Amino acid sequence: METAVISVLESLIKTDGVKGVLIADEHGLCLGALGTANPNCSGIIREIATHAKSLNEDSNSQQLFTIKIEANNS
């Protein structure tokens, strides 16, 4: 599984405009992070994903959610 997670992280980080990628399990445990993504934030990110999913009216739907967080840290 570790190889699969690394492969997905490396693939996503190559996407234009992506600076950080984090994968968390259903409990918020960080499975992997690359770039500017902070592994210590995996629980918070998981909660954001849970709330985003609750906005969907079709609770039986198996949709993939992408969370984009923009920050200007200059």
N, C-alpha and C. Protein backbone atom coordinates (compact mmCIF):
# COMPACT_ATOMS: atom_id res chain seq x y z
N MET A 1 0.82 -1.19 0.00
CA MET A 1 0.00 0.00 0.00
C MET A 1 0.86 1.25 0.00
N GLU A 2 1.96 1.22 0.71
CA GLU A 2 2.82 2.39 0.79
C GLU A 2 3.28 2.84 -0.59
N THR A 3 3.63 1.90 -1.45
CA THR A 3 4.07 2.22 -2.80
C THR A 3 2.94 2.89 -3.58
N ALA A 4 1.71 2.42 -3.40
CA ALA A 4 0.56 3.01 -4.10
C ALA A 4 0.33 4.44 -3.63
N VAL A 5 0.43 4.70 -2.34
CA VAL A 5 0.24 6.04 -1.80
C VAL A 5 1.31 6.98 -2.34
N ILE A 6 2.55 6.54 -2.33
CA ILE A 6 3.65 7.36 -2.85
C ILE A 6 3.43 7.66 -4.33
N SER A 7 3.00 6.67 -5.08
CA SER A 7 2.74 6.85 -6.51
C SER A 7 1.65 7.90 -6.75
N VAL A 8 0.57 7.84 -5.97
CA VAL A 8 -0.52 8.82 -6.11
C VAL A 8 -0.03 10.21 -5.73
N LEU A 9 0.69 10.32 -4.62
CA LEU A 9 1.22 11.61 -4.19
C LEU A 9 2.12 12.23 -5.26
N GLU A 10 3.02 11.43 -5.80
CA GLU A 10 3.95 11.93 -6.82
C GLU A 10 3.22 12.33 -8.09
N SER A 11 2.18 11.61 -8.44
CA SER A 11 1.39 11.95 -9.62
C SER A 11 0.65 13.27 -9.42
N LEU A 12 0.03 13.44 -8.25
CA LEU A 12 -0.75 14.65 -7.98
C LEU A 12 0.13 15.89 -7.84
N ILE A 13 1.30 15.75 -7.24
CA ILE A 13 2.17 16.91 -7.02
C ILE A 13 2.70 17.47 -8.35
N LYS A 14 2.69 16.65 -9.40
CA LYS A 14 3.14 17.10 -10.71
C LYS A 14 2.10 17.92 -11.46
N THR A 15 0.87 17.96 -10.95
CA THR A 15 -0.21 18.72 -11.58
C THR A 15 0.11 20.21 -11.52
N ASP A 16 -0.13 20.89 -12.61
CA ASP A 16 0.16 22.32 -12.70
C ASP A 16 -0.58 23.09 -11.60
N GLY A 17 0.14 23.89 -10.86
CA GLY A 17 -0.44 24.71 -9.81
C GLY A 17 -0.51 24.06 -8.44
N VAL A 18 -0.25 22.77 -8.37
CA VAL A 18 -0.31 22.06 -7.08
C VAL A 18 1.02 22.22 -6.36
N LYS A 19 0.95 22.68 -5.11
CA LYS A 19 2.16 22.89 -4.32
C LYS A 19 2.27 21.92 -3.16
N GLY A 20 1.15 21.32 -2.78
CA GLY A 20 1.15 20.37 -1.68
C GLY A 20 0.02 19.38 -1.82
N VAL A 21 0.27 18.15 -1.41
CA VAL A 21 -0.72 17.07 -1.49
C VAL A 21 -0.68 16.28 -0.19
N LEU A 22 -1.87 15.95 0.32
CA LEU A 22 -1.97 15.18 1.55
C LEU A 22 -3.05 14.12 1.37
N ILE A 23 -2.76 12.90 1.79
CA ILE A 23 -3.75 11.82 1.78
C ILE A 23 -3.96 11.39 3.22
N ALA A 24 -5.24 11.38 3.64
CA ALA A 24 -5.60 10.98 5.01
C ALA A 24 -6.62 9.86 4.94
N ASP A 25 -6.61 8.99 5.96
CA ASP A 25 -7.61 7.93 6.02
C ASP A 25 -8.91 8.46 6.62
N GLU A 26 -9.89 7.58 6.82
CA GLU A 26 -11.20 8.00 7.30
C GLU A 26 -11.19 8.53 8.73
N HIS A 27 -10.10 8.32 9.45
CA HIS A 27 -9.97 8.81 10.82
C HIS A 27 -9.11 10.07 10.90
N GLY A 28 -8.61 10.55 9.77
CA GLY A 28 -7.77 11.74 9.76
C GLY A 28 -6.29 11.46 9.92
N LEU A 29 -5.91 10.19 9.93
CA LEU A 29 -4.50 9.83 10.04
C LEU A 29 -3.82 10.10 8.70
N CYS A 30 -2.73 10.83 8.73
CA CYS A 30 -2.01 11.16 7.50
C CYS A 30 -1.31 9.91 6.97
N LEU A 31 -1.64 9.55 5.73
CA LEU A 31 -1.00 8.41 5.07
C LEU A 31 0.20 8.84 4.25
N GLY A 32 0.24 10.12 3.91
CA GLY A 32 1.36 10.65 3.15
C GLY A 32 1.14 12.10 2.78
N ALA A 33 2.23 12.84 2.64
CA ALA A 33 2.15 14.25 2.27
C ALA A 33 3.40 14.62 1.50
N LEU A 34 3.21 15.50 0.53
CA LEU A 34 4.33 16.02 -0.26
C LEU A 34 4.17 17.52 -0.42
N GLY A 35 5.27 18.19 -0.64
CA GLY A 35 5.24 19.63 -0.90
C GLY A 35 4.90 20.41 0.35
N THR A 36 4.08 21.44 0.18
CA THR A 36 3.76 22.35 1.29
C THR A 36 2.67 21.83 2.22
N ALA A 37 2.08 20.68 1.91
CA ALA A 37 1.03 20.12 2.77
C ALA A 37 1.63 19.71 4.12
N ASN A 38 1.00 20.15 5.19
CA ASN A 38 1.47 19.86 6.54
C ASN A 38 0.78 18.59 7.07
N PRO A 39 1.52 17.52 7.31
CA PRO A 39 0.92 16.28 7.81
C PRO A 39 0.17 16.46 9.12
N ASN A 40 0.54 17.46 9.91
CA ASN A 40 -0.13 17.71 11.19
C ASN A 40 -1.55 18.24 11.01
N CYS A 41 -1.91 18.63 9.79
CA CYS A 41 -3.24 19.17 9.51
C CYS A 41 -4.19 18.13 8.95
N SER A 42 -3.78 16.88 8.90
CA SER A 42 -4.60 15.85 8.25
C SER A 42 -5.97 15.68 8.92
N GLY A 43 -6.05 15.79 10.22
CA GLY A 43 -7.33 15.67 10.91
C GLY A 43 -8.29 16.79 10.55
N ILE A 44 -7.76 18.00 10.48
CA ILE A 44 -8.58 19.16 10.10
C ILE A 44 -9.05 19.02 8.67
N ILE A 45 -8.16 18.60 7.79
CA ILE A 45 -8.52 18.43 6.39
C ILE A 45 -9.57 17.34 6.25
N ARG A 46 -9.47 16.28 7.02
CA ARG A 46 -10.47 15.21 7.00
C ARG A 46 -11.84 15.74 7.42
N GLU A 47 -11.88 16.60 8.42
CA GLU A 47 -13.15 17.18 8.86
C GLU A 47 -13.75 18.07 7.78
N ILE A 48 -12.91 18.84 7.09
CA ILE A 48 -13.40 19.67 5.98
C ILE A 48 -14.02 18.77 4.91
N ALA A 49 -13.36 17.67 4.61
CA ALA A 49 -13.88 16.73 3.61
C ALA A 49 -15.21 16.13 4.05
N THR A 50 -15.32 15.80 5.33
CA THR A 50 -16.57 15.24 5.86
C THR A 50 -17.71 16.24 5.70
N HIS A 51 -17.45 17.50 6.01
CA HIS A 51 -18.48 18.52 5.87
C HIS A 51 -18.82 18.78 4.41
N ALA A 52 -17.83 18.75 3.54
CA ALA A 52 -18.08 18.93 2.10
C ALA A 52 -18.97 17.81 1.58
N LYS A 53 -18.72 16.60 2.02
CA LYS A 53 -19.53 15.46 1.59
C LYS A 53 -20.97 15.60 2.08
N SER A 54 -21.16 16.17 3.26
CA SER A 54 -22.52 16.32 3.81
C SER A 54 -23.34 17.34 3.02
N LEU A 55 -22.71 18.16 2.21
CA LEU A 55 -23.43 19.13 1.39
C LEU A 55 -24.12 18.46 0.21
N ASN A 56 -23.72 17.25 -0.11
CA ASN A 56 -24.30 16.51 -1.22
C ASN A 56 -25.66 15.95 -0.79
N GLU A 57 -26.69 16.23 -1.58
CA GLU A 57 -28.04 15.77 -1.24
C GLU A 57 -28.21 14.26 -1.39
N ASP A 58 -27.43 13.64 -2.27
CA ASP A 58 -27.54 12.20 -2.51
C ASP A 58 -26.55 11.47 -1.61
N SER A 59 -27.00 11.01 -0.45
CA SER A 59 -26.10 10.38 0.52
C SER A 59 -25.57 9.04 0.04
N ASN A 60 -26.18 8.44 -0.99
CA ASN A 60 -25.71 7.16 -1.52
C ASN A 60 -24.65 7.34 -2.60
N SER A 61 -24.39 8.57 -2.96
CA SER A 61 -23.44 8.86 -4.04
C SER A 61 -22.01 8.59 -3.59
N GLN A 62 -21.21 8.03 -4.48
CA GLN A 62 -19.79 7.78 -4.21
C GLN A 62 -18.97 8.79 -5.00
N GLN A 63 -19.02 10.04 -4.60
CA GLN A 63 -18.31 11.09 -5.32
C GLN A 63 -16.94 11.32 -4.70
N LEU A 64 -16.04 11.79 -5.53
CA LEU A 64 -14.70 12.16 -5.09
C LEU A 64 -14.67 13.66 -4.90
N PHE A 65 -14.23 14.11 -3.74
CA PHE A 65 -14.14 15.53 -3.46
C PHE A 65 -12.69 15.97 -3.49
N THR A 66 -12.46 17.11 -4.10
CA THR A 66 -11.14 17.72 -4.10
C THR A 66 -11.23 19.00 -3.28
N ILE A 67 -10.37 19.14 -2.32
CA ILE A 67 -10.35 20.34 -1.48
C ILE A 67 -9.16 21.18 -1.90
N LYS A 68 -9.44 22.40 -2.27
CA LYS A 68 -8.39 23.32 -2.70
C LYS A 68 -8.32 24.44 -1.67
N ILE A 69 -7.16 24.60 -1.08
CA ILE A 69 -6.95 25.65 -0.09
C ILE A 69 -5.91 26.61 -0.66
N GLU A 70 -6.30 27.86 -0.75
CA GLU A 70 -5.38 28.87 -1.27
C GLU A 70 -4.89 29.73 -0.12
N ALA A 71 -3.60 30.00 -0.11
CA ALA A 71 -3.01 30.82 0.94
C ALA A 71 -1.95 31.72 0.34
N ASN A 72 -1.90 32.93 0.82
CA ASN A 72 -0.87 33.86 0.40
C ASN A 72 0.05 34.07 1.59
N ASN A 73 1.12 33.33 1.62
CA ASN A 73 2.05 33.38 2.76
C ASN A 73 3.30 34.19 2.45
N SER A 74 3.13 35.23 1.66
CA SER A 74 4.32 36.01 1.29
C SER A 74 4.65 37.07 2.31
